Amino acid sequence: MNPLAAKFEALITTYQARGLNNGDGMLPPVGREVIEEAERLLGFSLPEPIRPIYELYGGQEYISPGITGVLGSHRLLSPLEIASSWQMYEDAQRFPGAEIPPPDSVPGENEWTWWHPALVPFANWDAYHLVICRRTHRIWEYEPYIGISRLSFRDIDALLDAAQESASTMEEPCIEFYIEE
């Protein structure tokens, strides 16, 4: 098993051992054809760091209020939900007079804190999405009215470490992205 997939499995085991529902509703692994369809809709490949997760789980069922997701408050999106969410944000940013980031730019640089086409949403809770940069693999939380969070993680490995810490120690596990510095 891939080390990241093993961390993901350990996270779910921690939730279960503590009697928490965060790991409930995990979907079975998806086949290559589902990932290829999502990539066709996106027009690019899913970021390599999140691909091993889909060999273990195909996403997480919709979470109703009062139930939290496998990544703290966020539920894991299926590959097709990733494509749909990305396209929704892209469409929302394409209006006359919209400021579009330069194609060679990277999210979080040069004070660009709004939607960027290099961001790929892979988990969500309400209007909040966890997004991974397909170029740098850095992870933020994105909210359409706030932009990307100040807090970020260098990669999915660091995010899973934070989720594991939260799952092990908090009564209601979550990762707080919008804390004041």
N, C-alpha and C. Protein backbone atom coordinates (compact mmCIF):
# COMPACT_ATOMS: atom_id res chain seq x y z
N MET A 1 0.85 -1.18 0.00
CA MET A 1 0.00 0.00 0.00
C MET A 1 0.89 1.24 0.00
N ASN A 2 0.52 2.21 -0.79
CA ASN A 2 1.21 3.49 -0.84
C ASN A 2 1.24 4.12 0.55
N PRO A 3 2.37 4.76 0.95
CA PRO A 3 2.45 5.37 2.29
C PRO A 3 1.35 6.39 2.58
N LEU A 4 0.94 7.19 1.60
CA LEU A 4 -0.13 8.15 1.83
C LEU A 4 -1.47 7.44 2.02
N ALA A 5 -1.70 6.40 1.25
CA ALA A 5 -2.93 5.63 1.42
C ALA A 5 -2.94 4.97 2.80
N ALA A 6 -1.77 4.51 3.26
CA ALA A 6 -1.67 3.92 4.60
C ALA A 6 -1.99 4.95 5.68
N LYS A 7 -1.53 6.20 5.50
CA LYS A 7 -1.85 7.26 6.46
C LYS A 7 -3.35 7.54 6.46
N PHE A 8 -3.94 7.51 5.30
CA PHE A 8 -5.37 7.75 5.17
C PHE A 8 -6.14 6.65 5.90
N GLU A 9 -5.72 5.42 5.71
CA GLU A 9 -6.37 4.28 6.38
C GLU A 9 -6.19 4.39 7.90
N ALA A 10 -5.01 4.80 8.36
CA ALA A 10 -4.76 4.97 9.80
C ALA A 10 -5.66 6.05 10.38
N LEU A 11 -5.91 7.09 9.63
CA LEU A 11 -6.79 8.18 10.06
C LEU A 11 -8.20 7.64 10.30
N ILE A 12 -8.70 6.87 9.37
CA ILE A 12 -10.05 6.30 9.51
C ILE A 12 -10.10 5.34 10.70
N THR A 13 -9.05 4.56 10.89
CA THR A 13 -8.98 3.65 12.03
C THR A 13 -9.01 4.44 13.35
N THR A 14 -8.33 5.57 13.42
CA THR A 14 -8.35 6.41 14.62
C THR A 14 -9.75 6.91 14.92
N TYR A 15 -10.44 7.39 13.88
CA TYR A 15 -11.82 7.84 14.08
C TYR A 15 -12.68 6.70 14.63
N GLN A 16 -12.57 5.54 14.02
CA GLN A 16 -13.38 4.40 14.45
C GLN A 16 -13.07 4.00 15.89
N ALA A 17 -11.79 3.98 16.25
CA ALA A 17 -11.39 3.59 17.60
C ALA A 17 -11.94 4.57 18.65
N ARG A 18 -12.11 5.83 18.26
CA ARG A 18 -12.64 6.85 19.17
C ARG A 18 -14.16 6.98 19.08
N GLY A 19 -14.80 6.17 18.24
CA GLY A 19 -16.25 6.23 18.10
C GLY A 19 -16.74 7.46 17.36
N LEU A 20 -15.89 8.04 16.52
CA LEU A 20 -16.25 9.23 15.75
C LEU A 20 -16.75 8.82 14.36
N ASN A 21 -17.64 9.61 13.79
CA ASN A 21 -18.23 9.27 12.49
C ASN A 21 -17.50 9.90 11.30
N ASN A 22 -16.37 10.54 11.53
CA ASN A 22 -15.67 11.22 10.44
C ASN A 22 -15.32 10.31 9.27
N GLY A 23 -15.04 9.07 9.53
CA GLY A 23 -14.66 8.14 8.46
C GLY A 23 -15.82 7.37 7.88
N ASP A 24 -17.05 7.72 8.28
CA ASP A 24 -18.23 7.02 7.76
C ASP A 24 -18.48 7.43 6.30
N GLY A 25 -19.14 6.55 5.57
CA GLY A 25 -19.57 6.86 4.22
C GLY A 25 -18.47 6.87 3.17
N MET A 26 -17.36 6.20 3.46
CA MET A 26 -16.29 6.16 2.46
C MET A 26 -16.74 5.27 1.31
N LEU A 27 -16.47 5.73 0.10
CA LEU A 27 -16.87 5.02 -1.11
C LEU A 27 -15.78 4.04 -1.54
N PRO A 28 -16.16 2.98 -2.24
CA PRO A 28 -15.14 2.02 -2.70
C PRO A 28 -14.18 2.67 -3.69
N PRO A 29 -13.00 2.06 -3.87
CA PRO A 29 -12.02 2.61 -4.80
C PRO A 29 -12.64 2.82 -6.19
N VAL A 30 -12.09 3.78 -6.92
CA VAL A 30 -12.57 4.02 -8.28
C VAL A 30 -11.59 3.39 -9.27
N GLY A 31 -12.11 3.00 -10.39
CA GLY A 31 -11.27 2.44 -11.44
C GLY A 31 -10.59 3.53 -12.25
N ARG A 32 -9.63 3.13 -13.01
CA ARG A 32 -8.87 4.04 -13.86
C ARG A 32 -9.78 4.85 -14.80
N GLU A 33 -10.86 4.22 -15.26
CA GLU A 33 -11.76 4.89 -16.20
C GLU A 33 -12.44 6.11 -15.57
N VAL A 34 -12.74 6.06 -14.27
CA VAL A 34 -13.36 7.19 -13.58
C VAL A 34 -12.35 8.34 -13.46
N ILE A 35 -11.12 8.01 -13.12
CA ILE A 35 -10.08 9.04 -13.03
C ILE A 35 -9.83 9.66 -14.40
N GLU A 36 -9.79 8.82 -15.44
CA GLU A 36 -9.58 9.34 -16.80
C GLU A 36 -10.73 10.25 -17.23
N GLU A 37 -11.97 9.91 -16.86
CA GLU A 37 -13.11 10.75 -17.20
C GLU A 37 -13.01 12.10 -16.48
N ALA A 38 -12.65 12.07 -15.19
CA ALA A 38 -12.47 13.33 -14.45
C ALA A 38 -11.37 14.17 -15.10
N GLU A 39 -10.28 13.55 -15.49
CA GLU A 39 -9.17 14.28 -16.12
C GLU A 39 -9.58 14.84 -17.48
N ARG A 40 -10.41 14.11 -18.20
CA ARG A 40 -10.91 14.61 -19.49
C ARG A 40 -11.75 15.87 -19.25
N LEU A 41 -12.61 15.84 -18.23
CA LEU A 41 -13.44 17.00 -17.91
C LEU A 41 -12.61 18.18 -17.43
N LEU A 42 -11.56 17.91 -16.66
CA LEU A 42 -10.67 18.96 -16.16
C LEU A 42 -9.78 19.54 -17.25
N GLY A 43 -9.34 18.68 -18.17
CA GLY A 43 -8.38 19.10 -19.18
C GLY A 43 -6.94 18.97 -18.70
N PHE A 44 -6.73 18.32 -17.58
CA PHE A 44 -5.40 18.06 -17.04
C PHE A 44 -5.49 16.87 -16.08
N SER A 45 -4.34 16.33 -15.70
CA SER A 45 -4.29 15.18 -14.80
C SER A 45 -4.54 15.60 -13.36
N LEU A 46 -5.17 14.72 -12.60
CA LEU A 46 -5.29 14.95 -11.16
C LEU A 46 -3.89 15.02 -10.57
N PRO A 47 -3.69 15.85 -9.57
CA PRO A 47 -2.35 15.94 -8.96
C PRO A 47 -1.90 14.57 -8.43
N GLU A 48 -0.69 14.22 -8.74
CA GLU A 48 -0.14 12.91 -8.36
C GLU A 48 -0.29 12.60 -6.88
N PRO A 49 -0.09 13.56 -5.96
CA PRO A 49 -0.18 13.23 -4.54
C PRO A 49 -1.55 12.73 -4.07
N ILE A 50 -2.65 13.09 -4.75
CA ILE A 50 -3.95 12.62 -4.28
C ILE A 50 -4.40 11.34 -4.98
N ARG A 51 -3.73 10.95 -6.04
CA ARG A 51 -4.14 9.76 -6.78
C ARG A 51 -4.15 8.48 -5.94
N PRO A 52 -3.16 8.24 -5.06
CA PRO A 52 -3.17 7.00 -4.28
C PRO A 52 -4.38 6.86 -3.35
N ILE A 53 -4.95 7.97 -2.95
CA ILE A 53 -6.13 7.90 -2.08
C ILE A 53 -7.27 7.21 -2.81
N TYR A 54 -7.41 7.46 -4.11
CA TYR A 54 -8.52 6.90 -4.87
C TYR A 54 -8.35 5.41 -5.17
N GLU A 55 -7.15 4.89 -4.91
CA GLU A 55 -6.94 3.44 -4.97
C GLU A 55 -7.52 2.77 -3.72
N LEU A 56 -7.72 3.56 -2.67
CA LEU A 56 -8.25 3.06 -1.41
C LEU A 56 -9.72 3.42 -1.25
N TYR A 57 -10.06 4.69 -1.54
CA TYR A 57 -11.43 5.19 -1.42
C TYR A 57 -11.75 6.06 -2.62
N GLY A 58 -13.00 5.94 -3.10
CA GLY A 58 -13.44 6.71 -4.25
C GLY A 58 -14.05 8.04 -3.90
N GLY A 59 -13.97 8.42 -2.64
CA GLY A 59 -14.57 9.65 -2.15
C GLY A 59 -15.33 9.34 -0.88
N GLN A 60 -16.20 10.26 -0.49
CA GLN A 60 -17.01 10.08 0.72
C GLN A 60 -18.41 10.56 0.41
N GLU A 61 -19.39 9.84 0.91
CA GLU A 61 -20.78 10.22 0.69
C GLU A 61 -21.03 11.63 1.20
N TYR A 62 -22.08 12.25 0.68
CA TYR A 62 -22.48 13.58 1.16
C TYR A 62 -22.68 13.51 2.67
N ILE A 63 -22.22 14.53 3.35
CA ILE A 63 -22.31 14.58 4.80
C ILE A 63 -23.36 15.60 5.20
N SER A 64 -24.34 15.15 5.97
CA SER A 64 -25.37 16.08 6.43
C SER A 64 -24.87 16.86 7.64
N PRO A 65 -25.53 17.95 7.98
CA PRO A 65 -25.10 18.75 9.13
C PRO A 65 -24.97 17.88 10.39
N GLY A 66 -23.92 18.15 11.16
CA GLY A 66 -23.69 17.41 12.38
C GLY A 66 -22.75 16.23 12.22
N ILE A 67 -22.44 15.90 11.00
CA ILE A 67 -21.48 14.82 10.73
C ILE A 67 -20.28 15.47 10.06
N THR A 68 -19.11 15.13 10.52
CA THR A 68 -17.92 15.75 9.94
C THR A 68 -17.23 14.79 8.98
N GLY A 69 -16.31 15.33 8.18
CA GLY A 69 -15.66 14.56 7.14
C GLY A 69 -14.37 13.89 7.57
N VAL A 70 -13.86 13.11 6.66
CA VAL A 70 -12.66 12.34 6.93
C VAL A 70 -11.42 13.23 7.11
N LEU A 71 -11.44 14.43 6.54
CA LEU A 71 -10.33 15.37 6.72
C LEU A 71 -10.78 16.49 7.65
N GLY A 72 -11.09 16.11 8.88
CA GLY A 72 -11.61 17.07 9.85
C GLY A 72 -13.05 17.38 9.49
N SER A 73 -13.32 18.60 9.09
CA SER A 73 -14.68 18.99 8.70
C SER A 73 -14.98 18.64 7.24
N HIS A 74 -13.98 18.35 6.45
CA HIS A 74 -14.14 18.19 5.01
C HIS A 74 -14.28 16.73 4.60
N ARG A 75 -15.24 16.49 3.71
CA ARG A 75 -15.40 15.15 3.15
C ARG A 75 -14.57 15.05 1.87
N LEU A 76 -14.08 13.87 1.58
CA LEU A 76 -13.29 13.62 0.38
C LEU A 76 -14.22 13.58 -0.83
N LEU A 77 -13.91 14.38 -1.85
CA LEU A 77 -14.68 14.39 -3.08
C LEU A 77 -14.29 13.22 -3.98
N SER A 78 -15.23 12.74 -4.76
CA SER A 78 -14.92 11.74 -5.78
C SER A 78 -14.20 12.47 -6.93
N PRO A 79 -13.52 11.73 -7.80
CA PRO A 79 -12.86 12.39 -8.94
C PRO A 79 -13.82 13.21 -9.80
N LEU A 80 -15.04 12.71 -10.02
CA LEU A 80 -15.99 13.47 -10.84
C LEU A 80 -16.49 14.72 -10.11
N GLU A 81 -16.59 14.66 -8.77
CA GLU A 81 -16.94 15.86 -8.00
C GLU A 81 -15.81 16.89 -8.05
N ILE A 82 -14.58 16.41 -8.10
CA ILE A 82 -13.44 17.31 -8.25
C ILE A 82 -13.59 18.10 -9.55
N ALA A 83 -13.86 17.39 -10.64
CA ALA A 83 -14.01 18.05 -11.94
C ALA A 83 -15.16 19.05 -11.92
N SER A 84 -16.27 18.67 -11.34
CA SER A 84 -17.44 19.56 -11.27
C SER A 84 -17.14 20.80 -10.43
N SER A 85 -16.49 20.63 -9.28
CA SER A 85 -16.16 21.77 -8.42
C SER A 85 -15.17 22.70 -9.09
N TRP A 86 -14.15 22.14 -9.73
CA TRP A 86 -13.15 22.96 -10.41
C TRP A 86 -13.82 23.79 -11.51
N GLN A 87 -14.69 23.14 -12.29
CA GLN A 87 -15.35 23.84 -13.39
C GLN A 87 -16.27 24.93 -12.85
N MET A 88 -16.94 24.68 -11.72
CA MET A 88 -17.81 25.70 -11.11
C MET A 88 -17.00 26.95 -10.77
N TYR A 89 -15.83 26.77 -10.14
CA TYR A 89 -15.00 27.92 -9.79
C TYR A 89 -14.44 28.61 -11.03
N GLU A 90 -14.04 27.84 -12.01
CA GLU A 90 -13.55 28.43 -13.25
C GLU A 90 -14.63 29.28 -13.91
N ASP A 91 -15.83 28.72 -14.02
CA ASP A 91 -16.93 29.46 -14.65
C ASP A 91 -17.26 30.74 -13.89
N ALA A 92 -17.22 30.66 -12.56
CA ALA A 92 -17.53 31.83 -11.74
C ALA A 92 -16.50 32.94 -11.91
N GLN A 93 -15.28 32.60 -12.26
CA GLN A 93 -14.20 33.59 -12.40
C GLN A 93 -14.12 34.19 -13.80
N ARG A 94 -14.84 33.65 -14.74
CA ARG A 94 -14.75 34.12 -16.12
C ARG A 94 -15.91 35.05 -16.44
N PHE A 95 -15.74 36.30 -16.09
CA PHE A 95 -16.75 37.30 -16.41
C PHE A 95 -16.03 38.54 -16.94
N PRO A 96 -16.72 39.39 -17.69
CA PRO A 96 -16.08 40.58 -18.24
C PRO A 96 -15.40 41.41 -17.15
N GLY A 97 -14.14 41.73 -17.36
CA GLY A 97 -13.39 42.54 -16.42
C GLY A 97 -12.74 41.76 -15.29
N ALA A 98 -12.93 40.44 -15.27
CA ALA A 98 -12.33 39.63 -14.20
C ALA A 98 -10.82 39.64 -14.32
N GLU A 99 -10.17 39.72 -13.18
CA GLU A 99 -8.71 39.64 -13.16
C GLU A 99 -8.31 38.17 -13.14
N ILE A 100 -7.65 37.74 -14.17
CA ILE A 100 -7.25 36.34 -14.32
C ILE A 100 -5.76 36.23 -14.01
N PRO A 101 -5.38 35.28 -13.17
CA PRO A 101 -3.95 35.16 -12.86
C PRO A 101 -3.14 34.77 -14.09
N PRO A 102 -1.90 35.23 -14.18
CA PRO A 102 -1.06 34.84 -15.31
C PRO A 102 -0.89 33.32 -15.35
N PRO A 103 -0.82 32.73 -16.55
CA PRO A 103 -0.76 31.28 -16.66
C PRO A 103 0.45 30.65 -15.97
N ASP A 104 1.55 31.39 -15.86
CA ASP A 104 2.75 30.83 -15.25
C ASP A 104 2.83 31.13 -13.75
N SER A 105 1.79 31.74 -13.20
CA SER A 105 1.80 32.09 -11.77
C SER A 105 1.44 30.88 -10.91
N VAL A 106 1.68 31.04 -9.62
CA VAL A 106 1.39 29.98 -8.65
C VAL A 106 0.48 30.57 -7.59
N PRO A 107 -0.58 29.86 -7.19
CA PRO A 107 -1.46 30.37 -6.14
C PRO A 107 -0.68 30.70 -4.87
N GLY A 108 -1.10 31.77 -4.21
CA GLY A 108 -0.45 32.16 -2.96
C GLY A 108 0.76 33.05 -3.14
N GLU A 109 1.21 33.24 -4.37
CA GLU A 109 2.34 34.14 -4.64
C GLU A 109 1.81 35.48 -5.11
N ASN A 110 2.60 36.50 -4.94
CA ASN A 110 2.27 37.85 -5.41
C ASN A 110 0.91 38.33 -4.91
N GLU A 111 0.58 37.95 -3.68
CA GLU A 111 -0.64 38.35 -3.02
C GLU A 111 -1.90 37.93 -3.78
N TRP A 112 -1.81 36.97 -4.68
CA TRP A 112 -2.98 36.46 -5.36
C TRP A 112 -3.64 35.46 -4.42
N THR A 113 -4.79 35.80 -3.86
CA THR A 113 -5.44 34.93 -2.88
C THR A 113 -6.81 34.44 -3.32
N TRP A 114 -7.21 34.77 -4.55
CA TRP A 114 -8.53 34.33 -5.02
C TRP A 114 -8.38 33.10 -5.88
N TRP A 115 -9.45 32.71 -6.53
CA TRP A 115 -9.43 31.48 -7.32
C TRP A 115 -8.31 31.53 -8.35
N HIS A 116 -7.66 30.42 -8.51
CA HIS A 116 -6.56 30.27 -9.46
C HIS A 116 -6.77 28.94 -10.18
N PRO A 117 -6.63 28.88 -11.50
CA PRO A 117 -6.88 27.64 -12.23
C PRO A 117 -5.94 26.49 -11.86
N ALA A 118 -4.84 26.77 -11.18
CA ALA A 118 -3.94 25.69 -10.74
C ALA A 118 -4.43 25.01 -9.47
N LEU A 119 -5.48 25.56 -8.85
CA LEU A 119 -6.04 24.94 -7.64
C LEU A 119 -7.01 23.83 -8.03
N VAL A 120 -6.93 22.72 -7.32
CA VAL A 120 -7.81 21.59 -7.59
C VAL A 120 -8.54 21.24 -6.28
N PRO A 121 -9.87 21.47 -6.22
CA PRO A 121 -10.62 21.15 -5.02
C PRO A 121 -10.76 19.63 -4.87
N PHE A 122 -10.40 19.08 -3.70
CA PHE A 122 -10.48 17.62 -3.52
C PHE A 122 -11.27 17.22 -2.28
N ALA A 123 -11.67 18.16 -1.46
CA ALA A 123 -12.50 17.88 -0.29
C ALA A 123 -13.33 19.12 -0.01
N ASN A 124 -14.51 18.94 0.60
CA ASN A 124 -15.30 20.13 0.91
C ASN A 124 -16.16 19.95 2.15
N TRP A 125 -16.55 21.07 2.68
CA TRP A 125 -17.53 21.20 3.75
C TRP A 125 -18.25 22.50 3.47
N ASP A 126 -19.54 22.43 3.19
CA ASP A 126 -20.33 23.60 2.87
C ASP A 126 -19.66 24.34 1.71
N ALA A 127 -19.37 25.63 1.85
CA ALA A 127 -18.74 26.40 0.78
C ALA A 127 -17.22 26.33 0.83
N TYR A 128 -16.68 25.61 1.79
CA TYR A 128 -15.24 25.54 1.99
C TYR A 128 -14.67 24.31 1.30
N HIS A 129 -13.67 24.53 0.45
CA HIS A 129 -13.01 23.43 -0.24
C HIS A 129 -11.54 23.35 0.18
N LEU A 130 -11.04 22.14 0.36
CA LEU A 130 -9.60 21.96 0.43
C LEU A 130 -9.13 21.88 -1.01
N VAL A 131 -8.10 22.66 -1.32
CA VAL A 131 -7.58 22.71 -2.68
C VAL A 131 -6.08 22.41 -2.66
N ILE A 132 -5.64 21.71 -3.69
CA ILE A 132 -4.22 21.40 -3.85
C ILE A 132 -3.75 22.08 -5.12
N CYS A 133 -2.59 22.72 -5.06
CA CYS A 133 -2.01 23.32 -6.25
C CYS A 133 -1.42 22.20 -7.11
N ARG A 134 -1.83 22.14 -8.33
CA ARG A 134 -1.33 21.06 -9.19
C ARG A 134 0.13 21.26 -9.59
N ARG A 135 0.69 22.44 -9.31
CA ARG A 135 2.10 22.69 -9.62
C ARG A 135 3.01 22.46 -8.42
N THR A 136 2.61 22.97 -7.25
CA THR A 136 3.47 22.89 -6.06
C THR A 136 3.03 21.84 -5.06
N HIS A 137 1.78 21.39 -5.14
CA HIS A 137 1.16 20.42 -4.24
C HIS A 137 0.84 21.01 -2.87
N ARG A 138 1.01 22.33 -2.69
CA ARG A 138 0.64 23.01 -1.44
C ARG A 138 -0.89 22.97 -1.33
N ILE A 139 -1.37 22.91 -0.08
CA ILE A 139 -2.81 22.77 0.18
C ILE A 139 -3.29 23.94 1.03
N TRP A 140 -4.43 24.49 0.63
CA TRP A 140 -5.12 25.55 1.37
C TRP A 140 -6.58 25.15 1.52
N GLU A 141 -7.30 25.95 2.31
CA GLU A 141 -8.75 25.91 2.26
C GLU A 141 -9.16 27.11 1.42
N TYR A 142 -10.13 26.92 0.54
CA TYR A 142 -10.62 28.00 -0.32
C TYR A 142 -12.11 28.21 -0.04
N GLU A 143 -12.47 29.47 0.13
CA GLU A 143 -13.86 29.86 0.31
C GLU A 143 -14.10 31.02 -0.65
N PRO A 144 -15.15 30.97 -1.46
CA PRO A 144 -15.33 31.97 -2.52
C PRO A 144 -15.38 33.42 -2.05
N TYR A 145 -15.81 33.68 -0.82
CA TYR A 145 -15.92 35.06 -0.35
C TYR A 145 -14.69 35.51 0.44
N ILE A 146 -13.81 34.56 0.76
CA ILE A 146 -12.61 34.87 1.54
C ILE A 146 -11.34 34.68 0.71
N GLY A 147 -11.35 33.71 -0.17
CA GLY A 147 -10.16 33.35 -0.95
C GLY A 147 -9.44 32.19 -0.30
N ILE A 148 -8.14 32.07 -0.57
CA ILE A 148 -7.39 30.98 0.03
C ILE A 148 -6.97 31.37 1.45
N SER A 149 -6.89 30.37 2.29
CA SER A 149 -6.58 30.58 3.70
C SER A 149 -5.13 30.99 3.89
N ARG A 150 -4.85 31.64 5.02
CA ARG A 150 -3.46 31.95 5.36
C ARG A 150 -2.71 30.68 5.68
N LEU A 151 -3.36 29.82 6.48
CA LEU A 151 -2.73 28.55 6.83
C LEU A 151 -2.72 27.65 5.61
N SER A 152 -1.60 27.04 5.34
CA SER A 152 -1.52 26.07 4.26
C SER A 152 -0.62 24.93 4.73
N PHE A 153 -0.65 23.86 3.99
CA PHE A 153 0.20 22.70 4.25
C PHE A 153 1.08 22.48 3.04
N ARG A 154 2.30 22.08 3.28
CA ARG A 154 3.26 21.92 2.18
C ARG A 154 2.83 20.85 1.18
N ASP A 155 2.06 19.85 1.67
CA ASP A 155 1.62 18.77 0.79
C ASP A 155 0.55 17.93 1.50
N ILE A 156 0.05 16.92 0.81
CA ILE A 156 -1.00 16.07 1.36
C ILE A 156 -0.50 15.31 2.58
N ASP A 157 0.78 14.95 2.61
CA ASP A 157 1.36 14.24 3.74
C ASP A 157 1.23 15.08 5.01
N ALA A 158 1.57 16.36 4.94
CA ALA A 158 1.47 17.25 6.09
C ALA A 158 0.01 17.45 6.50
N LEU A 159 -0.90 17.53 5.53
CA LEU A 159 -2.32 17.66 5.85
C LEU A 159 -2.81 16.43 6.59
N LEU A 160 -2.42 15.25 6.14
CA LEU A 160 -2.84 14.02 6.80
C LEU A 160 -2.26 13.93 8.21
N ASP A 161 -1.05 14.42 8.42
CA ASP A 161 -0.48 14.47 9.77
C ASP A 161 -1.33 15.36 10.68
N ALA A 162 -1.75 16.52 10.18
CA ALA A 162 -2.59 17.43 10.96
C ALA A 162 -3.96 16.81 11.24
N ALA A 163 -4.52 16.12 10.24
CA ALA A 163 -5.81 15.46 10.44
C ALA A 163 -5.68 14.35 11.48
N GLN A 164 -4.58 13.62 11.44
CA GLN A 164 -4.36 12.54 12.42
C GLN A 164 -4.23 13.12 13.82
N GLU A 165 -3.50 14.21 13.96
CA GLU A 165 -3.36 14.88 15.26
C GLU A 165 -4.73 15.32 15.77
N SER A 166 -5.52 15.92 14.90
CA SER A 166 -6.86 16.37 15.25
C SER A 166 -7.74 15.19 15.65
N ALA A 167 -7.68 14.10 14.87
CA ALA A 167 -8.48 12.91 15.14
C ALA A 167 -8.11 12.27 16.47
N SER A 168 -6.85 12.38 16.84
CA SER A 168 -6.35 11.75 18.06
C SER A 168 -6.63 12.56 19.32
N THR A 169 -6.78 13.88 19.17
CA THR A 169 -6.81 14.73 20.36
C THR A 169 -8.07 15.57 20.54
N MET A 170 -8.80 15.86 19.48
CA MET A 170 -9.93 16.77 19.60
C MET A 170 -11.25 16.02 19.76
N GLU A 171 -12.15 16.59 20.55
CA GLU A 171 -13.47 15.99 20.72
C GLU A 171 -14.22 16.00 19.39
N GLU A 172 -14.15 17.13 18.68
CA GLU A 172 -14.73 17.25 17.34
C GLU A 172 -13.61 17.62 16.38
N PRO A 173 -12.98 16.63 15.77
CA PRO A 173 -11.81 16.89 14.93
C PRO A 173 -12.07 17.87 13.79
N CYS A 174 -11.17 18.82 13.64
CA CYS A 174 -11.22 19.76 12.52
C CYS A 174 -9.83 20.38 12.36
N ILE A 175 -9.61 20.96 11.23
CA ILE A 175 -8.38 21.71 10.97
C ILE A 175 -8.82 23.15 10.75
N GLU A 176 -8.36 24.04 11.59
CA GLU A 176 -8.76 25.45 11.53
C GLU A 176 -7.83 26.19 10.59
N PHE A 177 -8.33 26.56 9.41
CA PHE A 177 -7.53 27.23 8.40
C PHE A 177 -7.53 28.75 8.53
N TYR A 178 -8.53 29.30 9.21
CA TYR A 178 -8.68 30.75 9.25
C TYR A 178 -8.41 31.32 10.62
N ILE A 179 -7.38 30.85 11.28
CA ILE A 179 -7.02 31.40 12.58
C ILE A 179 -6.28 32.71 12.39
N GLU A 180 -6.45 33.61 13.32
CA GLU A 180 -5.75 34.90 13.26
C GLU A 180 -4.31 34.72 13.70
N GLU A 181 -3.40 35.33 12.99
CA GLU A 181 -1.99 35.23 13.34
C GLU A 181 -1.57 36.35 14.24
